[in-house]
Amino acid sequence: MDHKAHLRRITRGYTDFSYAAIPTPFTRFMRKCMIYQAWRWLVLNIKILRIVAFGHS
């Protein structure tokens, strides 16, 4: 195996590919949108209420 082929097989940590993806402008908007956050909070609470009211099964 030549030297270049060996270098390609090495896993390199702490490169740009190691980190999380950058959110899109729409994702950043949705994270800041209070109406959307209130809706998601309501949906989550309804799910929790159903689990508590009807049991885990």
PDB file of N, CA and C in Angstrom:
ATOM      1  N   MET A   1       0.846  -1.168   0.000  1.00  0.00           N
ATOM      2  CA  MET A   1       0.000   0.000   0.000  1.00  0.00           C
ATOM      3  C   MET A   1       0.895   1.236   0.000  1.00  0.00           C
ATOM      4  N   ASP A   2       0.593   2.150  -0.894  1.00  0.00           N
ATOM      5  CA  ASP A   2       1.411   3.352  -0.964  1.00  0.00           C
ATOM      6  C   ASP A   2       1.049   4.334   0.152  1.00  0.00           C
ATOM      7  N   HIS A   3       1.852   5.339   0.303  1.00  0.00           N
ATOM      8  CA  HIS A   3       1.728   6.286   1.411  1.00  0.00           C
ATOM      9  C   HIS A   3       0.424   7.092   1.326  1.00  0.00           C
ATOM     10  N   LYS A   4       0.011   7.512   0.139  1.00  0.00           N
ATOM     11  CA  LYS A   4      -1.210   8.317  -0.011  1.00  0.00           C
ATOM     12  C   LYS A   4      -2.455   7.507   0.343  1.00  0.00           C
ATOM     13  N   ALA A   5      -2.490   6.256  -0.057  1.00  0.00           N
ATOM     14  CA  ALA A   5      -3.627   5.404   0.275  1.00  0.00           C
ATOM     15  C   ALA A   5      -3.714   5.211   1.780  1.00  0.00           C
ATOM     16  N   HIS A   6      -2.595   5.097   2.441  1.00  0.00           N
ATOM     17  CA  HIS A   6      -2.578   4.942   3.897  1.00  0.00           C
ATOM     18  C   HIS A   6      -3.119   6.203   4.574  1.00  0.00           C
ATOM     19  N   LEU A   7      -2.784   7.376   4.085  1.00  0.00           N
ATOM     20  CA  LEU A   7      -3.243   8.625   4.686  1.00  0.00           C
ATOM     21  C   LEU A   7      -4.748   8.811   4.537  1.00  0.00           C
ATOM     22  N   ARG A   8      -5.328   8.319   3.450  1.00  0.00           N
ATOM     23  CA  ARG A   8      -6.765   8.459   3.243  1.00  0.00           C
ATOM     24  C   ARG A   8      -7.565   7.606   4.213  1.00  0.00           C
ATOM     25  N   ARG A   9      -6.999   6.549   4.732  1.00  0.00           N
ATOM     26  CA  ARG A   9      -7.726   5.655   5.624  1.00  0.00           C
ATOM     27  C   ARG A   9      -7.677   6.102   7.080  1.00  0.00           C
ATOM     28  N   ILE A  10      -6.896   7.087   7.388  1.00  0.00           N
ATOM     29  CA  ILE A  10      -6.782   7.555   8.763  1.00  0.00           C
ATOM     30  C   ILE A  10      -8.010   8.389   9.102  1.00  0.00           C
ATOM     31  N   THR A  11      -8.631   8.092  10.227  1.00  0.00           N
ATOM     32  CA  THR A  11      -9.756   8.887  10.699  1.00  0.00           C
ATOM     33  C   THR A  11      -9.210  10.090  11.439  1.00  0.00           C
ATOM     34  N   ARG A  12      -9.631  11.246  11.026  1.00  0.00           N
ATOM     35  CA  ARG A  12      -9.135  12.470  11.641  1.00  0.00           C
ATOM     36  C   ARG A  12     -10.241  13.105  12.484  1.00  0.00           C
ATOM     37  N   GLY A  13      -9.965  13.268  13.775  1.00  0.00           N
ATOM     38  CA  GLY A  13     -10.898  13.954  14.642  1.00  0.00           C
ATOM     39  C   GLY A  13     -10.658  15.441  14.596  1.00  0.00           C
ATOM     40  N   TYR A  14     -11.612  16.180  15.096  1.00  0.00           N
ATOM     41  CA  TYR A  14     -11.515  17.634  15.191  1.00  0.00           C
ATOM     42  C   TYR A  14     -11.358  18.314  13.830  1.00  0.00           C
ATOM     43  N   THR A  15     -11.955  17.730  12.823  1.00  0.00           N
ATOM     44  CA  THR A  15     -11.998  18.395  11.526  1.00  0.00           C
ATOM     45  C   THR A  15     -13.369  19.054  11.387  1.00  0.00           C
ATOM     46  N   ASP A  16     -13.592  19.790  10.322  1.00  0.00           N
ATOM     47  CA  ASP A  16     -14.884  20.430  10.115  1.00  0.00           C
ATOM     48  C   ASP A  16     -16.020  19.420  10.020  1.00  0.00           C
ATOM     49  N   PHE A  17     -15.728  18.209   9.577  1.00  0.00           N
ATOM     50  CA  PHE A  17     -16.751  17.191   9.439  1.00  0.00           C
ATOM     51  C   PHE A  17     -17.124  16.572  10.771  1.00  0.00           C
ATOM     52  N   SER A  18     -16.368  16.841  11.829  1.00  0.00           N
ATOM     53  CA  SER A  18     -16.624  16.256  13.135  1.00  0.00           C
ATOM     54  C   SER A  18     -17.719  16.993  13.900  1.00  0.00           C
ATOM     55  N   TYR A  19     -18.038  18.186  13.506  1.00  0.00           N
ATOM     56  CA  TYR A  19     -18.956  19.006  14.263  1.00  0.00           C
ATOM     57  C   TYR A  19     -20.357  18.963  13.674  1.00  0.00           C
ATOM     58  N   ALA A  20     -21.321  19.457  14.444  1.00  0.00           N
ATOM     59  CA  ALA A  20     -22.720  19.450  14.007  1.00  0.00           C
ATOM     60  C   ALA A  20     -22.915  20.379  12.815  1.00  0.00           C
ATOM     61  N   ALA A  21     -23.949  20.094  12.074  1.00  0.00           N
ATOM     62  CA  ALA A  21     -24.273  20.915  10.905  1.00  0.00           C
ATOM     63  C   ALA A  21     -24.757  22.289  11.353  1.00  0.00           C
ATOM     64  N   ILE A  22     -24.527  23.284  10.542  1.00  0.00           N
ATOM     65  CA  ILE A  22     -24.992  24.634  10.818  1.00  0.00           C
ATOM     66  C   ILE A  22     -26.466  24.708  10.433  1.00  0.00           C
ATOM     67  N   PRO A  23     -27.327  25.215  11.344  1.00  0.00           N
ATOM     68  CA  PRO A  23     -28.756  25.271  11.018  1.00  0.00           C
ATOM     69  C   PRO A  23     -29.034  26.256   9.888  1.00  0.00           C
ATOM     70  N   THR A  24     -30.073  25.941   9.136  1.00  0.00           N
ATOM     71  CA  THR A  24     -30.473  26.809   8.035  1.00  0.00           C
ATOM     72  C   THR A  24     -31.156  28.057   8.586  1.00  0.00           C
ATOM     73  N   PRO A  25     -31.286  29.097   7.783  1.00  0.00           N
ATOM     74  CA  PRO A  25     -31.989  30.300   8.257  1.00  0.00           C
ATOM     75  C   PRO A  25     -33.425  30.002   8.713  1.00  0.00           C
ATOM     76  N   PHE A  26     -34.118  29.083   8.020  1.00  0.00           N
ATOM     77  CA  PHE A  26     -35.485  28.738   8.417  1.00  0.00           C
ATOM     78  C   PHE A  26     -35.489  28.058   9.782  1.00  0.00           C
ATOM     79  N   THR A  27     -34.539  27.169  10.044  1.00  0.00           N
ATOM     80  CA  THR A  27     -34.445  26.495  11.333  1.00  0.00           C
ATOM     81  C   THR A  27     -34.183  27.506  12.444  1.00  0.00           C
ATOM     82  N   ARG A  28     -33.294  28.440  12.195  1.00  0.00           N
ATOM     83  CA  ARG A  28     -33.020  29.475  13.202  1.00  0.00           C
ATOM     84  C   ARG A  28     -34.257  30.329  13.461  1.00  0.00           C
ATOM     85  N   PHE A  29     -35.016  30.628  12.409  1.00  0.00           N
ATOM     86  CA  PHE A  29     -36.244  31.397  12.579  1.00  0.00           C
ATOM     87  C   PHE A  29     -37.250  30.630  13.433  1.00  0.00           C
ATOM     88  N   MET A  30     -37.422  29.333  13.145  1.00  0.00           N
ATOM     89  CA  MET A  30     -38.391  28.532  13.891  1.00  0.00           C
ATOM     90  C   MET A  30     -37.990  28.386  15.361  1.00  0.00           C
ATOM     91  N   ARG A  31     -36.713  28.362  15.646  1.00  0.00           N
ATOM     92  CA  ARG A  31     -36.255  28.277  17.026  1.00  0.00           C
ATOM     93  C   ARG A  31     -36.572  29.545  17.803  1.00  0.00           C
ATOM     94  N   LYS A  32     -36.662  30.676  17.113  1.00  0.00           N
ATOM     95  CA  LYS A  32     -36.923  31.958  17.769  1.00  0.00           C
ATOM     96  C   LYS A  32     -38.391  32.370  17.728  1.00  0.00           C
ATOM     97  N   CYS A  33     -39.185  31.729  16.902  1.00  0.00           N
ATOM     98  CA  CYS A  33     -40.586  32.096  16.703  1.00  0.00           C
ATOM     99  C   CYS A  33     -41.414  31.688  17.924  1.00  0.00           C
ATOM    100  N   MET A  34     -41.945  32.670  18.644  1.00  0.00           N
ATOM    101  CA  MET A  34     -42.696  32.385  19.877  1.00  0.00           C
ATOM    102  C   MET A  34     -44.012  31.653  19.606  1.00  0.00           C
ATOM    103  N   ILE A  35     -44.666  31.937  18.482  1.00  0.00           N
ATOM    104  CA  ILE A  35     -45.913  31.248  18.152  1.00  0.00           C
ATOM    105  C   ILE A  35     -45.647  29.763  17.932  1.00  0.00           C
ATOM    106  N   TYR A  36     -44.611  29.447  17.175  1.00  0.00           N
ATOM    107  CA  TYR A  36     -44.263  28.050  16.928  1.00  0.00           C
ATOM    108  C   TYR A  36     -43.860  27.357  18.231  1.00  0.00           C
ATOM    109  N   GLN A  37     -43.078  28.042  19.068  1.00  0.00           N
ATOM    110  CA  GLN A  37     -42.649  27.453  20.329  1.00  0.00           C
ATOM    111  C   GLN A  37     -43.844  27.189  21.242  1.00  0.00           C
ATOM    112  N   ALA A  38     -44.812  28.109  21.272  1.00  0.00           N
ATOM    113  CA  ALA A  38     -46.015  27.901  22.088  1.00  0.00           C
ATOM    114  C   ALA A  38     -46.799  26.704  21.579  1.00  0.00           C
ATOM    115  N   TRP A  39     -46.897  26.563  20.270  1.00  0.00           N
ATOM    116  CA  TRP A  39     -47.599  25.415  19.682  1.00  0.00           C
ATOM    117  C   TRP A  39     -46.908  24.108  20.045  1.00  0.00           C
ATOM    118  N   ARG A  40     -45.583  24.059  19.913  1.00  0.00           N
ATOM    119  CA  ARG A  40     -44.847  22.835  20.239  1.00  0.00           C
ATOM    120  C   ARG A  40     -44.965  22.512  21.727  1.00  0.00           C
ATOM    121  N   TRP A  41     -44.981  23.552  22.597  1.00  0.00           N
ATOM    122  CA  TRP A  41     -45.138  23.357  24.026  1.00  0.00           C
ATOM    123  C   TRP A  41     -46.508  22.735  24.323  1.00  0.00           C
ATOM    124  N   LEU A  42     -47.544  23.230  23.649  1.00  0.00           N
ATOM    125  CA  LEU A  42     -48.889  22.697  23.831  1.00  0.00           C
ATOM    126  C   LEU A  42     -48.969  21.238  23.384  1.00  0.00           C
ATOM    127  N   VAL A  43     -48.412  20.936  22.229  1.00  0.00           N
ATOM    128  CA  VAL A  43     -48.432  19.560  21.717  1.00  0.00           C
ATOM    129  C   VAL A  43     -47.690  18.618  22.667  1.00  0.00           C
ATOM    130  N   LEU A  44     -46.545  19.040  23.159  1.00  0.00           N
ATOM    131  CA  LEU A  44     -45.780  18.215  24.087  1.00  0.00           C
ATOM    132  C   LEU A  44     -46.558  17.975  25.373  1.00  0.00           C
ATOM    133  N   ASN A  45     -47.199  19.003  25.907  1.00  0.00           N
ATOM    134  CA  ASN A  45     -47.960  18.842  27.132  1.00  0.00           C
ATOM    135  C   ASN A  45     -49.171  17.938  26.950  1.00  0.00           C
ATOM    136  N   ILE A  46     -49.802  17.994  25.789  1.00  0.00           N
ATOM    137  CA  ILE A  46     -50.918  17.082  25.509  1.00  0.00           C
ATOM    138  C   ILE A  46     -50.426  15.642  25.475  1.00  0.00           C
ATOM    139  N   LYS A  47     -49.262  15.407  24.875  1.00  0.00           N
ATOM    140  CA  LYS A  47     -48.701  14.054  24.841  1.00  0.00           C
ATOM    141  C   LYS A  47     -48.409  13.551  26.253  1.00  0.00           C
ATOM    142  N   ILE A  48     -47.828  14.403  27.078  1.00  0.00           N
ATOM    143  CA  ILE A  48     -47.522  14.017  28.457  1.00  0.00           C
ATOM    144  C   ILE A  48     -48.812  13.745  29.221  1.00  0.00           C
ATOM    145  N   LEU A  49     -49.826  14.585  29.036  1.00  0.00           N
ATOM    146  CA  LEU A  49     -51.111  14.401  29.700  1.00  0.00           C
ATOM    147  C   LEU A  49     -51.747  13.074  29.308  1.00  0.00           C
ATOM    148  N   ARG A  50     -51.653  12.712  28.031  1.00  0.00           N
ATOM    149  CA  ARG A  50     -52.203  11.423  27.595  1.00  0.00           C
ATOM    150  C   ARG A  50     -51.482  10.262  28.255  1.00  0.00           C
ATOM    151  N   ILE A  51     -50.170  10.345  28.387  1.00  0.00           N
ATOM    152  CA  ILE A  51     -49.413   9.273  29.028  1.00  0.00           C
ATOM    153  C   ILE A  51     -49.814   9.158  30.493  1.00  0.00           C
ATOM    154  N   VAL A  52     -49.912  10.271  31.177  1.00  0.00           N
ATOM    155  CA  VAL A  52     -50.250  10.258  32.596  1.00  0.00           C
ATOM    156  C   VAL A  52     -51.693   9.788  32.794  1.00  0.00           C
ATOM    157  N   ALA A  53     -52.601  10.254  31.970  1.00  0.00           N
ATOM    158  CA  ALA A  53     -54.027   9.935  32.140  1.00  0.00           C
ATOM    159  C   ALA A  53     -54.339   8.495  31.772  1.00  0.00           C
ATOM    160  N   PHE A  54     -53.730   7.981  30.737  1.00  0.00           N
ATOM    161  CA  PHE A  54     -54.088   6.649  30.251  1.00  0.00           C
ATOM    162  C   PHE A  54     -53.062   5.579  30.551  1.00  0.00           C
ATOM    163  N   GLY A  55     -52.010   5.912  31.238  1.00  0.00           N
ATOM    164  CA  GLY A  55     -50.995   4.922  31.588  1.00  0.00           C
ATOM    165  C   GLY A  55     -49.973   4.752  30.487  1.00  0.00           C
ATOM    166  N   HIS A  56     -48.965   3.995  30.795  1.00  0.00           N
ATOM    167  CA  HIS A  56     -47.845   3.813  29.884  1.00  0.00           C
ATOM    168  C   HIS A  56     -48.037   2.689  28.879  1.00  0.00           C
ATOM    169  N   SER A  57     -49.086   1.916  28.998  1.00  0.00           N
ATOM    170  CA  SER A  57     -49.245   0.770  28.106  1.00  0.00           C
ATOM    171  C   SER A  57     -49.984   1.090  26.847  1.00  0.00           C
TER     172      SER A  57
END
